[in-house]
Structure formats: structure tokens, C-alpha cells
Amino acid sequence: MIKDPFERLGLDREVLTVSQLNGRARVLLEDVFRSVWVEGEISNLARPASGHLYFTLKDSGAQVRCALFRQNATRVRQALRDGLAVRVRGRVSLFEGRGDYQLILDTVEAAGDGALRLAFEALKEKLDGEGLFSAERKRPLPPHPQRIGIVTSPTGAVIRDIISVFGRRAPQVELNLIPTPVQGREAIMQIVRALQLADRQGFDALILARGGGSLEDLWCFNEEAVARAVAACVTPIVSAVGHETDVSISDFVADVRAPTPSAAAELLAPDSSGLQQRVESLHRRLLMRMRNRLAHDRLRVESQSRRLRHPGDRLRQQAQRLDDLDMRLRRAFALGMNQRQQRLGRLDMRLTAQHPGRALKLLEQRLNSLAERLPKAMRDVLKDRRQRFQAQVQTLQLVSPLATLARGYSILLDEHGHAVRSAAQTHNGQRLTARLNEGELKVRVEDNHQTPVTLSLLD
């Protein structure tokens, strides 16, 4: 059994699990903030497949997470989107799975409607402070009115409903219509003038009536000028603006508020039978007692229900956790896919860099470069060899005996073709060949000055 959430931890230092701590915090928040209105701007709107809506409500200084479950989301007429200013109602709770503080919403409406409600509450507080709502200044309705003024539009179902009720219940009552527009900015002063005119005609009672509509449609009955005109009327006045659930400032200022125009007619239509009046009085007392008893029992039931955790709460917690896990799984899957795509891209780049075609292309480029360089290198080598050859030819010509012969010298060769370098290599009478620059001569050694010369006279 869950302990009282306001109960302090025991003196023995009770140690809680995280689940117990979050559970107690949730019960505490839901008990203190059972229904609050908050206005802000929607951001991070998420629509999982479950049909629930999750978003962040923020203003210029703070933010709070919100959950709008499917059964309540279907009743929201406004198309929700990021950046939309809204006014929401719900209870403060805690998502135990993550320990997140959040609002569990049951109503979402546009901020424009919320602004009108704020203005409504501001004017209500102002007039209440002035005593315009006090019970002491309210006048009782006449039990048997004879003349009744009706301040409403001359067209529409309202005036027909009122006439029908009086025709059925009290046809003898004189009804007088004081026509006026009942919607729009221009209707405000016309309603004021109609009330002032009706108050001067000495009616037993007045009915200020209008059919149902939106808050904007009924807004002229929430204007201060109309409220003060109602308060200034000397004639008892019944306010019957809108449907039963609609409440206007005029209802608080008037002597009696009727839930509908037909109900206002019934309040003022006298019954022909005193017994019927007694029955109606007893009926009203019974209803009042029943409402009081029901309200008392409702408080008891609500008190008991706060102590019990409805299975729907756990199901919504689990649904929210499932949605959270689903969104986390989708984000993780997308992240994993992105990482794998990046890794695949890097591997593809590496494979492209190591492809044989690229190496072959580089080798082909190198081969073409070498093929272009080879003829030039051959020409350079041949040119260098030719220059070296010419230099060697020139050097050879400088030391060649032919060059010496060209200067007028000759070379003596013996019969074996060996050059004769000294006279000692010859003998007298030896035949030698004298090689000239151009041609040869056959000569004979007459005297080598090495041996005595004996020449035959016959030779």
C-alpha cells in the first residue's frame, strides 16, 4: 500500500528504490496539481503510431514536457504544430520510466481563446471586488409578474422559445420585446441602451437573453459596459445568455441566472396552481439536496480515487514508455544506418584508390613519359658521342704520323714493314721503303755510317 506522499521518511533512514521514489513523486505531484491551466508555445511535436501526442510547451524562460493521449487528442479541434501558441489544461505527473516531470493533458485550445478567458477572469475579479456580485444587492423575482420586458434579438429561436413558454404556462402575462443586436462590437452600446430603455418602462421583470455560441460570439455580454448597465437596472433582471454550460459576466451581475432562455421564461411564468408551485419548490429543494449530496459523495470518491491507481494510468505509462522506446529505436536505427553508409563510403574510396586500373593508368602515363624522353635521350647521347669522337679525331690527328708526313717528313720502312728508327737497324745496301705524305719511294742504304762501305761497281 502506498504511503501518504507527504509523509517524511522514517527516522531509520528508509532506503527507497528508484521506482519507489518516482512513484511517490508522481502521487505527490498528481495530488497537489490535479488540474492546472498553462499557456505557452508548442515545440518538438511528436506523433507516434499509437495516436498519442507528445510535445514541449515553452515560453521565453522555461519549458515542460506534455503528453496528450489518444482519447483526448481526438477532441482537439485545432491542428497542432510547432510554434503554435496554445493554452492547455491537465494534471502534473511524472513519467516513472525516466523520472521526467510532465503534464498529462485533457484540453488544448488556441491561445486566442485563452486570452479571452484571461480577460474574462480579470473583469470578473474586478467587478466582484466592487461588490457587483454580492447576494445582498440582488432583488427577488416577482411571484406573479404581469408585464415583462425581453431584451434580445427580434430574429432567431430565442424570442420564439420565450413566447412559447409563456403561452403554455402563463398566457395572461404581457410580453414586450426591446430589440437589440446580441453579437459583435457594435452590439455592446445597443444592448446598454436597450437595458436603459427597458428599465424606464416599469416592467415587473426583465429577461436579457441570447442563444448559444462560441466564447467570441457571447463576448459582448462579458463587456464591462453591459455588466454595469445590468447592475444599474432597478427592475429585477434574469440573465439567460448561451447554453447551460456557458457563463458570462452578465450572469454574475444579474439578479438571477437562467441556464437557457426557455428556463428564464419558466422562472418568470407564474403557475396557475399553488400546488404546482409547492411541488416545484420541493423539487428544487430536492435537486439542491441531491446536488449537495452528490457533490459530497463526489469529493469522497475523488479522495478515494486519488489513493487508488487506476489501471489506465499504468497502461498510459507503459504506452508512453513504448512510444519512447519506439522513437529511441528509430533514432538508433537511423544513426546506425548513417554510420554504416559513411563506413561504406570510406571503404569505397579506399577500394577506388587501390584499384589495378589506377596503377595501370599510372604505369601507362610513366611509359608514355619514358617513350617521349627516349628519343631525346638518344639524340643527346649521340650528340655527346659525336662531340667526343670529333675531339678524339682531332687529338689523333695531332699525334698522327700522317700529319708529320704532311709537313714534308717521311717514314722509312724495312722489308718487314717496320719503321726504321735508327741507323743501327739498317745495313749498307739494304733496300727500304720511304713512305711520303703522297705515295712511296724505294731507296737503298748507301752508308749507314755504322759499317764500312763496299759497293760493287756493278750495282
Protein backbone atom coordinates (compact mmCIF):
# COMPACT_ATOMS: atom_id res chain seq x y z
CA MET A 1 0.00 0.00 0.00
CA ILE A 2 1.37 3.43 -0.97
CA LYS A 3 2.14 5.65 1.98
CA ASP A 4 0.93 9.22 2.30
CA PRO A 5 3.09 11.15 -0.24
CA PHE A 6 3.51 13.99 2.28
CA GLU A 7 4.85 11.63 4.93
CA ARG A 8 8.54 12.13 5.66
CA LEU A 9 10.96 9.24 5.54
CA GLY A 10 11.29 7.35 8.78
CA LEU A 11 13.98 8.02 11.33
CA ASP A 12 15.52 4.66 10.50
CA ARG A 13 16.60 6.11 7.14
CA GLU A 14 14.26 4.21 4.90
CA VAL A 15 16.03 3.47 1.62
CA LEU A 16 13.87 3.72 -1.48
CA THR A 17 14.38 2.15 -4.86
CA VAL A 18 14.32 4.45 -7.87
CA SER A 19 10.89 3.07 -8.82
CA GLN A 20 9.54 3.76 -5.32
CA LEU A 21 10.94 7.29 -5.35
CA ASN A 22 9.42 8.08 -8.76
CA GLY A 23 6.11 6.52 -7.70
CA ARG A 24 5.87 8.67 -4.59
CA ALA A 25 6.88 11.78 -6.52
CA ARG A 26 4.18 11.07 -9.13
CA VAL A 27 1.47 10.62 -6.49
CA LEU A 28 2.57 13.83 -4.76
CA LEU A 29 2.52 15.88 -7.97
CA GLU A 30 -0.84 14.49 -9.09
CA ASP A 31 -2.37 15.13 -5.68
CA VAL A 32 -1.23 18.77 -5.47
CA PHE A 33 -1.64 19.74 -9.14
CA ARG A 34 -4.81 17.89 -10.16
CA SER A 35 -5.89 20.46 -12.76
CA VAL A 36 -3.89 23.48 -13.94
CA TRP A 37 -4.07 25.79 -16.96
CA VAL A 38 -0.77 26.62 -18.65
CA GLU A 39 -0.14 28.83 -21.68
CA GLY A 40 2.88 28.56 -23.95
CA GLU A 41 4.25 27.62 -27.37
CA ILE A 42 4.41 24.10 -28.85
CA SER A 43 7.79 22.67 -29.90
CA ASN A 44 9.22 19.20 -30.65
CA LEU A 45 5.75 17.84 -31.55
CA ALA A 46 5.83 14.03 -31.99
CA ARG A 47 3.02 11.86 -33.40
CA PRO A 48 3.83 8.15 -32.87
CA ALA A 49 1.74 5.42 -34.45
CA SER A 50 -0.17 4.88 -31.18
CA GLY A 51 -2.16 8.09 -31.77
CA HIS A 52 -0.83 9.80 -28.62
CA LEU A 53 0.76 13.26 -28.95
CA TYR A 54 3.91 14.41 -27.20
CA PHE A 55 5.35 17.91 -27.29
CA THR A 56 7.21 20.53 -25.27
CA LEU A 57 5.36 23.60 -24.02
CA LYS A 58 7.72 26.55 -23.61
CA ASP A 59 7.89 30.26 -23.04
CA SER A 60 10.84 32.66 -23.05
CA GLY A 61 12.30 31.28 -19.83
CA ALA A 62 11.34 27.63 -19.34
CA GLN A 63 9.75 24.52 -20.82
CA VAL A 64 7.77 21.45 -19.73
CA ARG A 65 7.06 18.14 -21.48
CA CYS A 66 3.40 17.36 -22.26
CA ALA A 67 1.53 14.16 -23.14
CA LEU A 68 -1.89 14.20 -24.83
CA PHE A 69 -3.28 10.67 -25.04
CA ARG A 70 -5.34 9.50 -27.98
CA GLN A 71 -8.80 9.66 -26.37
CA ASN A 72 -8.24 13.35 -25.54
CA ALA A 73 -6.32 14.15 -28.74
CA THR A 74 -9.36 13.29 -30.86
CA ARG A 75 -11.33 16.10 -29.17
CA VAL A 76 -8.81 18.81 -30.10
CA ARG A 77 -10.25 20.84 -32.97
CA GLN A 78 -7.14 22.94 -33.53
CA ALA A 79 -4.47 21.44 -35.82
CA LEU A 80 -1.40 21.32 -33.58
CA ARG A 81 2.02 22.26 -34.96
CA ASP A 82 5.39 23.51 -33.76
CA GLY A 83 5.34 27.22 -32.91
CA LEU A 84 1.58 27.33 -32.17
CA ALA A 85 0.61 29.31 -29.07
CA VAL A 86 -1.86 27.28 -27.01
CA ARG A 87 -3.50 27.13 -23.61
CA VAL A 88 -3.64 23.64 -22.09
CA ARG A 89 -5.29 22.05 -19.07
CA GLY A 90 -4.14 18.92 -17.29
CA ARG A 91 -2.56 17.42 -14.23
CA VAL A 92 1.10 17.50 -13.28
CA SER A 93 2.57 14.00 -13.26
CA LEU A 94 5.81 12.08 -13.58
CA PHE A 95 6.84 9.56 -16.24
CA GLU A 96 8.25 6.97 -13.86
CA GLY A 97 10.27 5.18 -16.55
CA ARG A 98 12.62 8.15 -16.98
CA GLY A 99 11.76 10.31 -13.99
CA ASP A 100 10.56 13.09 -16.33
CA TYR A 101 8.29 15.81 -14.95
CA GLN A 102 5.39 16.31 -17.35
CA LEU A 103 1.81 17.48 -17.89
CA ILE A 104 -0.89 14.89 -18.72
CA LEU A 105 -3.34 16.98 -20.77
CA ASP A 106 -7.07 16.68 -21.30
CA THR A 107 -7.73 20.02 -23.06
CA VAL A 108 -5.81 22.03 -25.65
CA GLU A 109 -7.14 25.30 -27.06
CA ALA A 110 -5.73 28.17 -29.07
CA ALA A 111 -4.13 30.97 -27.09
CA GLY A 112 -6.58 33.49 -28.55
CA ASP A 113 -9.47 31.81 -26.70
CA GLY A 114 -7.22 31.63 -23.67
CA ALA A 115 -6.61 35.38 -23.88
CA LEU A 116 -10.36 35.99 -23.79
CA ARG A 117 -10.66 33.76 -20.75
CA LEU A 118 -7.92 35.72 -19.01
CA ALA A 119 -9.75 38.97 -19.76
CA PHE A 120 -12.97 37.33 -18.51
CA GLU A 121 -11.32 36.36 -15.23
CA ALA A 122 -9.73 39.81 -14.82
CA LEU A 123 -13.06 41.63 -15.27
CA LYS A 124 -14.84 39.12 -13.04
CA GLU A 125 -12.32 39.71 -10.25
CA LYS A 126 -12.60 43.49 -10.66
CA LEU A 127 -16.42 43.60 -10.51
CA ASP A 128 -16.53 41.08 -7.70
CA GLY A 129 -14.17 43.31 -5.74
CA GLU A 130 -16.61 46.18 -6.24
CA GLY A 131 -19.44 44.07 -4.80
CA LEU A 132 -21.49 43.78 -8.02
CA PHE A 133 -21.83 40.01 -7.48
CA SER A 134 -22.80 40.13 -3.83
CA ALA A 135 -26.03 38.42 -2.79
CA GLU A 136 -27.12 41.45 -0.72
CA ARG A 137 -27.75 43.62 -3.77
CA LYS A 138 -29.71 41.01 -5.74
CA ARG A 139 -33.51 41.52 -5.87
CA PRO A 140 -36.05 38.68 -5.72
CA LEU A 141 -38.17 37.95 -8.78
CA PRO A 142 -41.89 38.89 -8.58
CA PRO A 143 -44.02 35.82 -7.86
CA HIS A 144 -46.83 36.95 -10.25
CA PRO A 145 -45.46 39.32 -12.91
CA GLN A 146 -47.90 40.99 -15.29
CA ARG A 147 -45.57 42.84 -17.67
CA ILE A 148 -42.17 41.51 -18.68
CA GLY A 149 -39.59 43.14 -20.95
CA ILE A 150 -37.40 40.92 -23.15
CA VAL A 151 -34.06 42.37 -24.31
CA THR A 152 -32.85 40.20 -27.19
CA SER A 153 -32.64 39.92 -30.97
CA PRO A 154 -36.02 40.11 -32.77
CA THR A 155 -34.94 37.23 -35.02
CA GLY A 156 -33.93 33.73 -34.13
CA ALA A 157 -35.19 30.95 -31.89
CA VAL A 158 -34.71 32.76 -28.54
CA ILE A 159 -37.73 35.05 -28.70
CA ARG A 160 -39.89 32.25 -30.12
CA ASP A 161 -38.90 29.89 -27.27
CA ILE A 162 -39.72 32.52 -24.63
CA ILE A 163 -43.12 33.30 -26.20
CA SER A 164 -43.86 29.58 -26.43
CA VAL A 165 -43.12 29.02 -22.73
CA PHE A 166 -45.29 31.94 -21.61
CA GLY A 167 -48.08 30.90 -23.98
CA ARG A 168 -48.10 27.46 -22.40
CA ARG A 169 -47.58 28.39 -18.73
CA ALA A 170 -48.90 31.96 -18.34
CA PRO A 171 -50.67 33.34 -21.42
CA GLN A 172 -52.05 36.27 -19.38
CA VAL A 173 -48.58 37.85 -18.95
CA GLU A 174 -47.87 40.81 -21.24
CA LEU A 175 -44.56 40.37 -23.12
CA ASN A 176 -42.70 43.37 -24.59
CA LEU A 177 -39.68 43.00 -26.91
CA ILE A 178 -36.90 45.56 -26.71
CA PRO A 179 -34.92 44.59 -29.84
CA THR A 180 -31.14 44.81 -29.97
CA PRO A 181 -28.24 43.06 -31.73
CA VAL A 182 -26.61 40.47 -29.48
CA GLN A 183 -23.29 39.82 -31.24
CA GLY A 184 -20.36 41.93 -32.37
CA ARG A 185 -18.62 45.07 -31.18
CA GLU A 186 -21.44 47.35 -32.37
CA ALA A 187 -23.94 45.41 -30.23
CA ILE A 188 -22.36 46.47 -26.91
CA MET A 189 -23.73 50.03 -26.72
CA GLN A 190 -27.03 48.99 -28.28
CA ILE A 191 -27.53 46.40 -25.52
CA VAL A 192 -26.73 49.09 -22.95
CA ARG A 193 -29.29 51.48 -24.48
CA ALA A 194 -31.91 48.70 -24.69
CA LEU A 195 -31.45 47.90 -20.97
CA GLN A 196 -31.74 51.57 -20.03
CA LEU A 197 -34.92 51.94 -22.15
CA ALA A 198 -36.50 48.77 -20.70
CA ASP A 199 -35.68 49.81 -17.12
CA ARG A 200 -37.60 53.10 -17.58
CA GLN A 201 -40.84 51.42 -18.76
CA GLY A 202 -41.90 49.99 -15.40
CA PHE A 203 -41.80 46.27 -16.18
CA ASP A 204 -42.18 43.76 -13.37
CA ALA A 205 -39.06 41.95 -14.57
CA LEU A 206 -36.59 41.89 -17.49
CA ILE A 207 -35.07 38.99 -19.41
CA LEU A 208 -31.68 39.52 -21.06
CA ALA A 209 -31.36 36.60 -23.47
CA ARG A 210 -29.21 35.21 -26.26
CA GLY A 211 -28.76 31.79 -27.88
CA GLY A 212 -25.64 29.66 -27.60
CA GLY A 213 -22.33 30.21 -29.41
CA SER A 214 -18.59 30.35 -29.01
CA LEU A 215 -16.82 32.48 -26.44
CA GLU A 216 -16.22 35.13 -29.11
CA ASP A 217 -19.92 35.09 -30.10
CA LEU A 218 -21.02 35.70 -26.49
CA TRP A 219 -18.29 38.20 -25.71
CA CYS A 220 -20.43 41.36 -25.77
CA PHE A 221 -22.13 40.03 -22.57
CA ASN A 222 -18.66 39.92 -20.97
CA GLU A 223 -18.01 43.63 -21.58
CA GLU A 224 -17.81 45.97 -18.58
CA ALA A 225 -20.29 48.45 -20.08
CA VAL A 226 -23.01 45.78 -20.40
CA ALA A 227 -22.27 44.43 -16.90
CA ARG A 228 -22.61 47.88 -15.33
CA ALA A 229 -25.83 48.54 -17.29
CA VAL A 230 -27.28 45.30 -15.86
CA ALA A 231 -26.17 46.30 -12.35
CA ALA A 232 -27.76 49.75 -12.77
CA CYS A 233 -31.22 48.36 -13.61
CA VAL A 234 -33.83 48.93 -10.90
CA THR A 235 -36.09 46.28 -12.41
CA PRO A 236 -35.27 42.68 -11.41
CA ILE A 237 -33.42 41.05 -14.30
CA VAL A 238 -32.86 37.45 -15.35
CA SER A 239 -29.75 36.74 -17.46
CA ALA A 240 -30.10 33.85 -19.92
CA VAL A 241 -27.05 34.00 -22.20
CA GLY A 242 -26.00 30.95 -24.17
CA HIS A 243 -26.46 27.30 -23.31
CA GLU A 244 -26.41 25.74 -19.87
CA THR A 245 -22.60 25.38 -19.85
CA ASP A 246 -21.98 28.98 -20.97
CA VAL A 247 -21.29 31.55 -18.24
CA SER A 248 -20.99 35.30 -18.81
CA ILE A 249 -20.24 38.34 -16.65
CA SER A 250 -23.85 39.40 -17.12
CA ASP A 251 -24.94 36.18 -15.37
CA PHE A 252 -22.99 37.13 -12.25
CA VAL A 253 -24.29 40.72 -12.15
CA ALA A 254 -27.96 39.88 -12.86
CA ASP A 255 -30.35 39.11 -10.06
CA VAL A 256 -30.89 35.56 -11.34
CA ARG A 257 -29.02 33.45 -13.87
CA ALA A 258 -31.03 31.06 -16.02
CA PRO A 259 -29.24 28.24 -17.88
CA THR A 260 -31.25 28.90 -21.10
CA PRO A 261 -33.74 31.49 -22.38
CA SER A 262 -36.53 28.94 -22.01
CA ALA A 263 -35.54 28.39 -18.39
CA ALA A 264 -35.67 32.16 -17.82
CA ALA A 265 -39.24 32.23 -19.13
CA GLU A 266 -40.17 29.36 -16.83
CA LEU A 267 -38.73 31.22 -13.82
CA LEU A 268 -40.98 34.24 -14.52
CA ALA A 269 -44.08 32.43 -15.79
CA PRO A 270 -46.46 32.13 -12.76
CA ASP A 271 -48.08 28.73 -12.21
CA SER A 272 -51.87 28.64 -12.06
CA SER A 273 -51.80 26.13 -9.29
CA GLY A 274 -50.34 26.71 -5.83
CA LEU A 275 -49.79 23.01 -5.51
CA GLN A 276 -47.65 23.04 -8.58
CA GLN A 277 -45.59 25.81 -7.04
CA ARG A 278 -45.20 23.73 -3.90
CA VAL A 279 -44.16 20.71 -5.92
CA GLU A 280 -41.66 22.78 -7.88
CA SER A 281 -40.32 24.25 -4.67
CA LEU A 282 -39.90 20.81 -3.18
CA HIS A 283 -38.40 19.63 -6.44
CA ARG A 284 -35.83 22.43 -6.38
CA ARG A 285 -35.03 21.67 -2.74
CA LEU A 286 -34.66 18.00 -3.61
CA LEU A 287 -32.39 18.81 -6.50
CA MET A 288 -30.33 21.07 -4.28
CA ARG A 289 -30.02 18.38 -1.63
CA MET A 290 -29.16 15.82 -4.31
CA ARG A 291 -26.55 18.12 -5.78
CA ASN A 292 -25.08 18.73 -2.35
CA ARG A 293 -25.10 15.03 -1.58
CA LEU A 294 -23.66 14.19 -4.97
CA ALA A 295 -21.00 16.89 -4.54
CA HIS A 296 -20.15 15.50 -1.11
CA ASP A 297 -20.03 11.94 -2.43
CA ARG A 298 -18.03 13.09 -5.45
CA LEU A 299 -15.43 14.61 -3.15
CA ARG A 300 -15.25 11.35 -1.20
CA VAL A 301 -14.93 9.33 -4.42
CA GLU A 302 -12.25 11.67 -5.75
CA SER A 303 -10.37 11.42 -2.46
CA GLN A 304 -10.53 7.63 -2.62
CA SER A 305 -9.68 7.54 -6.32
CA ARG A 306 -6.53 9.54 -5.67
CA ARG A 307 -5.41 6.80 -3.31
CA LEU A 308 -6.05 4.13 -5.94
CA ARG A 309 -4.01 3.93 -9.07
CA HIS A 310 -6.27 3.22 -11.99
CA PRO A 311 -5.04 0.53 -14.40
CA GLY A 312 -5.43 3.07 -17.17
CA ASP A 313 -2.65 5.16 -15.61
CA ARG A 314 -0.28 2.21 -15.70
CA LEU A 315 -1.35 1.42 -19.27
CA ARG A 316 -0.73 5.04 -20.28
CA GLN A 317 2.67 4.95 -18.55
CA GLN A 318 3.52 1.76 -20.43
CA ALA A 319 2.16 3.22 -23.67
CA GLN A 320 4.31 6.30 -23.16
CA ARG A 321 7.33 4.13 -22.40
CA LEU A 322 6.59 2.06 -25.53
CA ASP A 323 6.38 5.22 -27.61
CA ASP A 324 9.62 6.43 -26.07
CA LEU A 325 11.39 3.15 -26.83
CA ASP A 326 9.96 3.17 -30.34
CA MET A 327 11.31 6.66 -31.00
CA ARG A 328 14.69 5.72 -29.48
CA LEU A 329 14.82 2.59 -31.65
CA ARG A 330 14.07 4.59 -34.75
CA ARG A 331 16.76 7.14 -33.88
CA ALA A 332 19.30 4.37 -33.13
CA PHE A 333 18.43 2.58 -36.39
CA ALA A 334 18.81 5.81 -38.38
CA LEU A 335 22.13 6.55 -36.64
CA GLY A 336 23.40 3.01 -37.31
CA MET A 337 22.40 3.23 -40.96
CA ASN A 338 24.15 6.58 -41.27
CA GLN A 339 27.35 5.21 -39.70
CA ARG A 340 27.29 2.17 -42.00
CA GLN A 341 26.76 4.35 -45.04
CA GLN A 342 29.71 6.53 -44.02
CA ARG A 343 31.90 3.42 -43.49
CA LEU A 344 30.80 2.02 -46.85
CA GLY A 345 31.72 5.34 -48.46
CA ARG A 346 35.20 5.24 -46.89
CA LEU A 347 35.75 1.62 -48.00
CA ASP A 348 34.58 2.51 -51.49
CA MET A 349 37.09 5.37 -51.60
CA ARG A 350 39.88 3.04 -50.41
CA LEU A 351 38.91 0.41 -52.95
CA THR A 352 38.88 3.01 -55.69
CA ALA A 353 42.34 4.21 -54.61
CA GLN A 354 43.75 0.61 -54.72
CA HIS A 355 42.05 -0.47 -57.97
CA PRO A 356 44.55 -2.02 -60.55
CA GLY A 357 43.20 0.25 -63.24
CA ARG A 358 44.60 3.24 -61.40
CA ALA A 359 48.07 1.62 -61.10
CA LEU A 360 47.96 0.60 -64.78
CA LYS A 361 46.98 4.11 -65.69
CA LEU A 362 49.94 5.49 -63.72
CA LEU A 363 52.31 2.96 -65.38
CA GLU A 364 50.89 3.86 -68.77
CA GLN A 365 51.50 7.53 -68.06
CA ARG A 366 55.07 6.71 -66.95
CA LEU A 367 55.62 4.59 -70.09
CA ASN A 368 54.37 7.40 -72.30
CA SER A 369 56.62 9.82 -70.45
CA LEU A 370 59.63 7.50 -70.90
CA ALA A 371 58.73 6.97 -74.57
CA GLU A 372 58.74 10.72 -75.03
CA ARG A 373 62.06 11.08 -73.17
CA LEU A 374 63.86 8.17 -75.01
CA PRO A 375 64.35 9.83 -78.48
CA LYS A 376 65.60 12.98 -76.82
CA ALA A 377 67.97 10.97 -74.62
CA MET A 378 69.26 9.05 -77.69
CA ARG A 379 69.79 12.30 -79.55
CA ASP A 380 71.60 13.75 -76.57
CA VAL A 381 73.81 10.63 -76.23
CA LEU A 382 74.61 10.55 -79.97
CA LYS A 383 75.37 14.22 -79.92
CA ASP A 384 77.67 13.76 -76.92
CA ARG A 385 79.37 10.71 -78.53
CA ARG A 386 79.78 12.61 -81.79
CA GLN A 387 81.38 15.53 -79.99
CA ARG A 388 83.71 13.19 -78.08
CA PHE A 389 84.58 11.35 -81.34
CA GLN A 390 85.38 14.59 -83.11
CA ALA A 391 87.51 15.66 -80.16
CA GLN A 392 89.39 12.32 -80.23
CA VAL A 393 89.82 12.56 -84.02
CA GLN A 394 91.30 15.98 -83.58
CA THR A 395 93.58 14.69 -80.84
CA LEU A 396 94.58 11.70 -83.04
CA GLN A 397 95.32 13.97 -85.94
CA LEU A 398 97.61 15.99 -83.73
CA VAL A 399 99.73 12.92 -82.87
CA SER A 400 99.30 11.01 -86.18
CA PRO A 401 102.46 10.39 -88.22
CA LEU A 402 100.44 11.24 -91.29
CA ALA A 403 100.27 14.75 -90.03
CA THR A 404 104.04 14.72 -89.75
CA LEU A 405 104.28 13.41 -93.28
CA ALA A 406 102.04 16.18 -94.44
CA ARG A 407 104.64 18.65 -93.18
CA GLY A 408 107.24 17.12 -95.50
CA TYR A 409 108.65 14.27 -93.47
CA SER A 410 108.75 10.58 -94.50
CA ILE A 411 108.86 7.23 -92.76
CA LEU A 412 111.40 4.51 -93.61
CA LEU A 413 110.10 1.00 -93.51
CA ASP A 414 112.23 -2.15 -93.71
CA GLU A 415 111.28 -5.14 -95.75
CA HIS A 416 109.09 -6.32 -92.93
CA GLY A 417 107.18 -3.05 -92.78
CA HIS A 418 108.77 -1.98 -89.50
CA ALA A 419 109.70 1.63 -89.04
CA VAL A 420 113.42 2.32 -89.01
CA ARG A 421 114.14 4.50 -86.03
CA SER A 422 117.94 4.41 -86.00
CA ALA A 423 120.76 3.84 -88.45
CA ALA A 424 121.87 0.85 -86.42
CA GLN A 425 118.80 -1.01 -87.55
CA THR A 426 119.98 -0.91 -91.16
CA HIS A 427 122.92 -2.17 -93.09
CA ASN A 428 124.55 -0.86 -96.12
CA GLY A 429 122.88 -1.92 -99.32
CA GLN A 430 119.66 -2.64 -97.60
CA ARG A 431 116.59 -1.70 -99.55
CA LEU A 432 113.99 0.34 -97.69
CA THR A 433 110.63 1.88 -98.46
CA ALA A 434 110.20 5.60 -97.85
CA ARG A 435 106.59 6.47 -97.22
CA LEU A 436 105.68 10.03 -98.06
CA ASN A 437 102.54 12.06 -97.49
CA GLU A 438 101.57 11.10 -101.02
CA GLY A 439 103.00 7.90 -102.36
CA GLU A 440 106.13 5.77 -101.58
CA LEU A 441 109.79 5.57 -102.73
CA LYS A 442 112.07 2.58 -102.93
CA VAL A 443 115.52 3.53 -101.58
CA ARG A 444 118.76 1.72 -100.79
CA VAL A 445 121.08 2.38 -97.91
CA GLU A 446 124.40 3.52 -99.27
CA ASP A 447 126.01 4.21 -95.98
CA ASN A 448 124.59 3.93 -92.53
CA HIS A 449 127.80 5.20 -91.04
CA GLN A 450 127.88 2.12 -88.90
CA THR A 451 129.82 -0.31 -91.15
CA PRO A 452 132.46 0.19 -93.81
CA VAL A 453 131.02 0.71 -97.21
CA THR A 454 131.98 -1.63 -100.01
CA LEU A 455 129.91 -1.08 -103.00
CA SER A 456 130.01 -3.10 -106.14
CA LEU A 457 130.66 -1.02 -109.10
CA LEU A 458 128.25 -3.16 -110.97
CA ASP A 459 125.40 -2.20 -108.79
